Amino acid sequence: MRETAFPAHEQLIFGCGLTMVAGGLDAYSYLVHGQVFAGLQTGNLILLGTSLSHLQFTAGGRYLASLLAFALGTIIVRVLQHILEKRRVNRQLVVLSYMLVLLVAVLLLGQQLPGFLVAALLSLAAAAELQEFRQIKGMPFTPLMMTGNVRRLSESAYDGVRYRDKAARGRALDTATLMLSFITGAFLVGLFTKTLGNWALIIPVLIVLGLAIWLYEQTRQRKWKH
């Protein structure tokens, strides 16, 4: 099936932008704000446990704050989903706008706020992304965690070769593209952190802005055609 047959927010190019943002946010929060992950809460749970085992309660508090903020962020977007369920608005665009506000706030105020609070705000944004964007080309999709994508890539590549399954080969290629985008987001933020410091967050900000503009244009074009 052609990619354009899917909604704009389920197309591969959009998913690549989302994974770039996710990789960038985790790299930024880890490198700049106390080695806390914005979206990878499994990592935060591990770091929380090891911090407590060494009686490092201050460090543990940072990870706990991110975990709680992620849970709160999920609830906030869930409420938004219910409010917007029967309204004629582009829900995905609303969520992207909400993410953009959070990231711009961190970009402008990050140097004045405590590190744990900055990481918490980034976790709110990451939670919004995971809660709203769950499919690419009609298939399950998690922009924040790559473990499932590693499994899907391996399985699809095997099926594509072993059974000469063209659809499986397509899934493997799409998954590899998403994973590469995640790495690219982390790479860019890591690279610019060396020179820009806190301002390296401009990379995810620009990507989210670009996604919002692209989604708006795609939605407008589809309405015009119909």
Protein backbone atom coordinates (compact mmCIF):
# COMPACT_ATOMS: atom_id res chain seq x y z
CA MET A 1 0.00 0.00 0.00
CA ARG A 2 1.30 3.45 -0.90
CA GLU A 3 2.41 5.56 2.05
CA THR A 4 0.09 8.40 1.03
CA ALA A 5 -2.86 6.06 1.68
CA PHE A 6 -2.19 6.47 5.39
CA PRO A 7 -3.02 9.58 7.47
CA ALA A 8 -0.24 12.16 7.47
CA HIS A 9 0.70 11.43 11.08
CA GLU A 10 1.16 7.72 10.24
CA GLN A 11 3.52 8.23 7.33
CA LEU A 12 7.13 7.14 7.61
CA ILE A 13 8.60 10.62 7.13
CA PHE A 14 6.53 11.87 10.07
CA GLY A 15 7.57 8.91 12.21
CA CYS A 16 11.21 9.61 11.43
CA GLY A 17 10.76 13.16 12.70
CA LEU A 18 9.18 11.85 15.90
CA THR A 19 12.02 9.40 16.57
CA MET A 20 14.58 12.15 15.91
CA VAL A 21 12.85 14.28 18.54
CA ALA A 22 12.78 11.37 20.99
CA GLY A 23 16.46 10.57 20.52
CA GLY A 24 17.35 14.24 20.80
CA LEU A 25 15.35 14.78 24.00
CA ASP A 26 16.91 11.79 25.75
CA ALA A 27 20.40 12.82 24.67
CA TYR A 28 19.79 16.41 25.81
CA SER A 29 18.32 15.55 29.20
CA TYR A 30 21.05 12.99 29.87
CA LEU A 31 23.99 15.15 28.80
CA VAL A 32 22.83 18.54 30.10
CA HIS A 33 20.45 17.86 32.98
CA GLY A 34 21.83 15.35 35.41
CA GLN A 35 21.97 12.14 33.36
CA VAL A 36 18.18 11.77 33.47
CA PHE A 37 16.28 10.39 30.49
CA ALA A 38 13.33 12.43 29.23
CA GLY A 39 11.50 9.51 27.63
CA LEU A 40 13.35 6.28 28.40
CA GLN A 41 11.71 5.57 31.74
CA THR A 42 13.12 2.03 31.88
CA GLY A 43 16.55 3.66 32.08
CA ASN A 44 15.35 6.01 34.81
CA LEU A 45 14.00 3.09 36.84
CA ILE A 46 17.36 1.33 36.59
CA LEU A 47 19.24 4.49 37.58
CA LEU A 48 16.78 5.12 40.42
CA GLY A 49 17.37 1.64 41.78
CA THR A 50 21.15 1.86 41.56
CA SER A 51 21.14 5.35 43.11
CA LEU A 52 19.12 4.12 46.08
CA SER A 53 21.40 1.12 46.45
CA HIS A 54 24.31 3.54 46.94
CA LEU A 55 22.24 5.83 49.20
CA GLN A 56 22.43 8.60 46.60
CA PHE A 57 19.03 10.05 47.42
CA THR A 58 19.52 13.37 45.62
CA ALA A 59 20.27 11.60 42.35
CA GLY A 60 17.38 9.22 42.97
CA GLY A 61 15.07 12.21 43.40
CA ARG A 62 15.92 13.42 39.89
CA TYR A 63 14.92 10.10 38.37
CA LEU A 64 11.76 9.91 40.45
CA ALA A 65 10.76 13.43 39.36
CA SER A 66 11.12 12.43 35.71
CA LEU A 67 9.08 9.26 36.24
CA LEU A 68 6.27 11.16 37.96
CA ALA A 69 6.31 13.89 35.31
CA PHE A 70 6.05 11.27 32.58
CA ALA A 71 3.02 9.73 34.29
CA LEU A 72 1.44 13.18 34.67
CA GLY A 73 2.21 13.99 31.03
CA THR A 74 0.45 10.83 29.93
CA ILE A 75 -2.64 11.77 31.93
CA ILE A 76 -2.64 15.33 30.54
CA VAL A 77 -2.63 14.10 26.95
CA ARG A 78 -5.22 11.44 27.76
CA VAL A 79 -7.51 14.19 29.05
CA LEU A 80 -6.84 16.18 25.88
CA GLN A 81 -7.73 13.15 23.78
CA HIS A 82 -11.07 12.83 25.53
CA ILE A 83 -11.83 16.57 25.26
CA LEU A 84 -10.98 16.68 21.55
CA GLU A 85 -12.53 13.31 20.68
CA LYS A 86 -15.71 14.71 19.15
CA ARG A 87 -14.41 18.10 18.06
CA ARG A 88 -13.42 18.95 14.53
CA VAL A 89 -9.81 19.77 15.27
CA ASN A 90 -6.57 18.08 14.34
CA ARG A 91 -5.72 16.37 17.62
CA GLN A 92 -2.19 15.47 16.53
CA LEU A 93 -1.50 19.11 15.70
CA VAL A 94 -2.78 20.16 19.13
CA VAL A 95 -0.43 17.69 20.83
CA LEU A 96 2.52 18.84 18.74
CA SER A 97 1.73 22.44 19.69
CA TYR A 98 1.60 21.46 23.36
CA MET A 99 5.00 19.75 23.01
CA LEU A 100 6.39 22.82 21.28
CA VAL A 101 5.28 25.11 24.12
CA LEU A 102 6.99 22.86 26.68
CA LEU A 103 10.23 22.66 24.70
CA VAL A 104 10.36 26.40 24.01
CA ALA A 105 9.81 27.05 27.73
CA VAL A 106 12.78 24.82 28.55
CA LEU A 107 14.86 26.44 25.83
CA LEU A 108 14.23 29.95 27.18
CA LEU A 109 14.12 29.23 30.92
CA GLY A 110 16.28 26.13 31.26
CA GLN A 111 19.29 27.95 32.66
CA GLN A 112 17.20 29.58 35.40
CA LEU A 113 15.29 26.45 36.49
CA PRO A 114 16.59 23.59 38.65
CA GLY A 115 17.86 20.64 36.62
CA PHE A 116 15.27 18.21 37.97
CA LEU A 117 12.45 20.54 36.91
CA VAL A 118 13.87 20.91 33.41
CA ALA A 119 14.09 17.12 33.09
CA ALA A 120 10.49 16.87 34.33
CA LEU A 121 9.28 19.33 31.68
CA LEU A 122 11.09 17.35 29.01
CA SER A 123 9.44 14.18 30.32
CA LEU A 124 6.03 15.85 29.94
CA ALA A 125 6.85 16.45 26.27
CA ALA A 126 8.14 12.90 25.76
CA ALA A 127 5.01 11.45 27.38
CA ALA A 128 2.82 13.50 25.03
CA GLU A 129 4.65 12.06 22.03
CA LEU A 130 4.31 8.47 23.20
CA GLN A 131 0.65 8.80 24.21
CA GLU A 132 -0.54 10.38 20.95
CA PHE A 133 1.59 8.82 18.23
CA ARG A 134 1.26 5.03 18.28
CA GLN A 135 1.10 3.91 14.68
CA ILE A 136 3.14 4.16 11.48
CA LYS A 137 1.57 2.80 8.32
CA GLY A 138 -1.12 1.15 10.42
CA MET A 139 1.43 -0.79 12.49
CA PRO A 140 2.22 -0.36 16.21
CA PHE A 141 4.87 2.29 16.79
CA THR A 142 6.75 3.54 19.85
CA PRO A 143 8.94 6.57 19.07
CA LEU A 144 10.68 6.58 22.46
CA MET A 145 11.81 2.96 22.91
CA MET A 146 13.94 1.14 20.38
CA THR A 147 14.04 -2.31 22.03
CA GLY A 148 10.84 -3.36 20.28
CA ASN A 149 12.15 -1.96 17.02
CA VAL A 150 15.33 -4.04 17.30
CA ARG A 151 13.17 -7.12 17.72
CA ARG A 152 10.88 -6.12 14.83
CA LEU A 153 13.83 -5.40 12.56
CA SER A 154 15.41 -8.79 13.30
CA GLU A 155 12.16 -10.70 12.85
CA SER A 156 11.17 -8.89 9.66
CA ALA A 157 14.64 -9.22 8.12
CA TYR A 158 14.65 -12.96 8.85
CA ASP A 159 11.14 -13.47 7.44
CA GLY A 160 12.02 -11.39 4.40
CA VAL A 161 15.02 -13.56 3.58
CA ARG A 162 13.80 -16.95 4.80
CA TYR A 163 10.32 -16.79 3.29
CA ARG A 164 11.02 -14.24 0.56
CA ASP A 165 8.31 -12.10 2.12
CA LYS A 166 8.27 -8.73 0.37
CA ALA A 167 6.07 -7.14 3.04
CA ALA A 168 8.48 -8.29 5.77
CA ARG A 169 11.41 -6.77 3.88
CA GLY A 170 9.47 -3.50 3.68
CA ARG A 171 8.83 -3.58 7.43
CA ALA A 172 12.52 -4.23 8.07
CA LEU A 173 13.52 -1.26 5.93
CA ASP A 174 10.99 1.04 7.61
CA THR A 175 12.09 -0.06 11.08
CA ALA A 176 15.77 0.44 10.24
CA THR A 177 14.94 3.93 8.95
CA LEU A 178 13.14 4.81 12.19
CA MET A 179 16.05 3.53 14.28
CA LEU A 180 18.54 5.49 12.21
CA SER A 181 16.43 8.62 12.74
CA PHE A 182 16.50 8.06 16.50
CA ILE A 183 20.29 7.78 16.41
CA THR A 184 20.50 10.88 14.21
CA GLY A 185 18.49 12.93 16.71
CA ALA A 186 20.77 11.86 19.56
CA PHE A 187 23.87 12.46 17.41
CA LEU A 188 22.87 16.00 16.44
CA VAL A 189 22.03 17.02 20.00
CA GLY A 190 25.20 15.40 21.32
CA LEU A 191 27.24 17.20 18.68
CA PHE A 192 25.72 20.63 19.28
CA THR A 193 25.79 20.26 23.06
CA LYS A 194 29.57 20.67 22.83
CA THR A 195 29.21 24.17 21.39
CA LEU A 196 25.71 25.34 22.32
CA GLY A 197 25.26 23.77 25.74
CA ASN A 198 21.65 24.32 26.91
CA TRP A 199 20.76 25.81 23.56
CA ALA A 200 21.27 22.45 21.84
CA LEU A 201 17.57 21.87 22.57
CA ILE A 202 16.94 24.05 19.53
CA ILE A 203 17.37 20.90 17.42
CA PRO A 204 14.27 19.08 18.80
CA VAL A 205 12.38 22.39 18.88
CA LEU A 206 12.97 22.97 15.17
CA ILE A 207 12.03 19.38 14.33
CA VAL A 208 8.74 19.60 16.26
CA LEU A 209 7.99 22.93 14.59
CA GLY A 210 8.73 21.39 11.20
CA LEU A 211 6.47 18.41 11.95
CA ALA A 212 3.64 20.72 12.99
CA ILE A 213 3.95 22.79 9.81
CA TRP A 214 4.16 19.68 7.61
CA LEU A 215 1.15 18.07 9.33
CA TYR A 216 -0.88 21.27 8.95
CA GLU A 217 -0.06 21.49 5.25
CA GLN A 218 -0.81 17.81 4.61
CA THR A 219 -4.13 18.07 6.43
CA ARG A 220 -5.07 21.23 4.53
CA GLN A 221 -4.25 19.64 1.18
CA ARG A 222 -6.35 16.58 1.96
CA LYS A 223 -9.33 18.72 2.93
CA TRP A 224 -8.93 20.68 -0.30
CA LYS A 225 -8.96 17.49 -2.38
CA HIS A 226 -12.13 16.33 -0.70
